[in-house]
């Protein structure tokens, strides 16, 4: 991977990912071929935090149906990144909303 923007695709927005933010764990969709070391470097460069741990999960496709046609959703890779105590990543103004 050349750019950090090719490694980190987008943050994952779900109830579980927002609950994990209280434990300094942030969830991202990442490139399928990106190793853990590259993911950690990309998060450190993008958000100026220190990464402690990276867990990766390959999300398998689910079978979906549209009328009589069966198909599958896309497969993708998810990374749960744990940052050092005291560091945080501000996603969607989450920190500003909690301070008010």
Protein backbone atom coordinates (compact mmCIF):
# COMPACT_ATOMS: atom_id res chain seq x y z
CA UNK A 1 0.00 0.00 0.00
CA UNK A 2 1.34 3.43 -0.87
CA UNK A 3 -0.95 5.91 0.85
CA UNK A 4 -2.60 5.81 4.27
CA UNK A 5 -5.83 6.70 2.46
CA UNK A 6 -5.60 3.41 0.56
CA UNK A 7 -5.27 1.46 3.82
CA UNK A 8 -8.04 3.10 5.89
CA UNK A 9 -11.21 3.19 3.82
CA UNK A 10 -13.83 4.49 6.28
CA UNK A 11 -14.86 4.34 9.94
CA UNK A 12 -17.54 1.79 10.79
CA UNK A 13 -20.67 3.39 12.25
CA UNK A 14 -22.65 1.02 14.45
CA UNK A 15 -23.89 0.80 18.03
CA UNK A 16 -21.16 -1.64 18.93
CA UNK A 17 -18.41 0.53 17.47
CA UNK A 18 -19.67 3.55 19.41
CA UNK A 19 -19.75 1.50 22.64
CA UNK A 20 -16.14 0.40 22.01
CA UNK A 21 -15.05 4.05 21.77
CA UNK A 22 -15.42 4.30 25.57
CA UNK A 23 -12.65 1.66 25.81
CA UNK A 24 -10.38 3.57 23.38
CA UNK A 25 -11.16 1.10 20.57
CA UNK A 26 -12.03 2.43 17.13
CA UNK A 27 -13.42 0.41 14.20
CA UNK A 28 -12.45 0.98 10.56
CA UNK A 29 -13.02 -0.68 7.21
CA UNK A 30 -9.58 -1.36 5.78
CA UNK A 31 -8.08 -2.72 2.56
CA UNK A 32 -8.32 -6.52 2.32
CA UNK A 33 -4.60 -7.04 1.76
CA UNK A 34 -3.41 -4.59 4.47
CA UNK A 35 -1.45 -6.22 7.33
CA UNK A 36 -1.82 -5.14 10.96
CA UNK A 37 1.46 -3.18 10.99
CA UNK A 38 0.36 -1.09 8.00
CA UNK A 39 -3.03 -0.41 9.59
CA UNK A 40 -1.37 0.74 12.82
CA UNK A 41 1.01 3.07 10.93
CA UNK A 42 -1.86 4.54 8.90
CA UNK A 43 -3.98 5.29 11.99
CA UNK A 44 -0.99 6.84 13.78
CA UNK A 45 -0.24 9.12 10.81
CA UNK A 46 -3.85 10.10 10.09
CA UNK A 47 -5.05 10.80 13.63
CA UNK A 48 -1.79 11.56 15.51
CA UNK A 49 -2.35 8.89 18.21
CA UNK A 50 -0.30 5.97 19.52
CA UNK A 51 -1.71 2.57 18.56
CA UNK A 52 -1.40 -0.19 21.16
CA UNK A 53 -3.15 -3.08 19.41
CA UNK A 54 -4.87 -3.97 16.12
CA UNK A 55 -7.43 -6.77 15.71
CA UNK A 56 -8.62 -7.65 12.20
CA UNK A 57 -11.72 -9.52 11.04
CA UNK A 58 -12.60 -10.66 7.53
CA UNK A 59 -16.33 -10.07 7.16
CA UNK A 60 -17.90 -12.79 5.03
CA UNK A 61 -20.64 -12.00 2.48
CA UNK A 62 -24.28 -12.62 3.42
CA UNK A 63 -26.84 -14.13 1.08
CA UNK A 64 -29.54 -11.63 0.09
CA UNK A 65 -32.55 -11.99 -2.15
CA UNK A 66 -34.29 -9.49 -4.37
CA UNK A 67 -37.50 -11.11 -5.46
CA UNK A 68 -36.44 -14.36 -7.15
CA UNK A 69 -32.81 -13.43 -7.68
CA UNK A 70 -30.36 -14.56 -4.99
CA UNK A 71 -27.04 -12.82 -4.54
CA UNK A 72 -24.41 -11.98 -1.97
CA UNK A 73 -23.21 -8.81 -0.29
CA UNK A 74 -19.56 -7.86 -0.67
CA UNK A 75 -16.84 -9.22 1.59
CA UNK A 76 -14.63 -6.72 3.42
CA UNK A 77 -12.03 -6.43 6.18
CA UNK A 78 -12.64 -4.73 9.51
CA UNK A 79 -9.98 -3.52 11.96
CA UNK A 80 -10.56 -2.68 15.62
CA UNK A 81 -7.72 -0.38 16.67
CA UNK A 82 -6.91 0.17 20.36
CA UNK A 83 -5.19 3.50 21.06
CA UNK A 84 -3.08 4.41 24.09
CA UNK A 85 -4.72 5.63 27.28
CA UNK A 86 -5.24 9.38 27.10
CA UNK A 87 -5.31 9.46 23.26
CA UNK A 88 -8.58 9.70 21.36
CA UNK A 89 -9.82 9.99 17.80
CA UNK A 90 -12.53 12.56 17.23
CA UNK A 91 -15.09 11.02 14.87
CA UNK A 92 -18.18 12.97 13.79
CA UNK A 93 -17.67 15.61 16.50
CA UNK A 94 -18.22 12.89 19.11
CA UNK A 95 -15.93 14.51 21.69
CA UNK A 96 -17.48 17.97 21.32
CA UNK A 97 -21.01 16.61 21.74
CA UNK A 98 -20.14 14.75 24.94
CA UNK A 99 -18.49 17.84 26.49
CA UNK A 100 -21.57 20.05 26.09
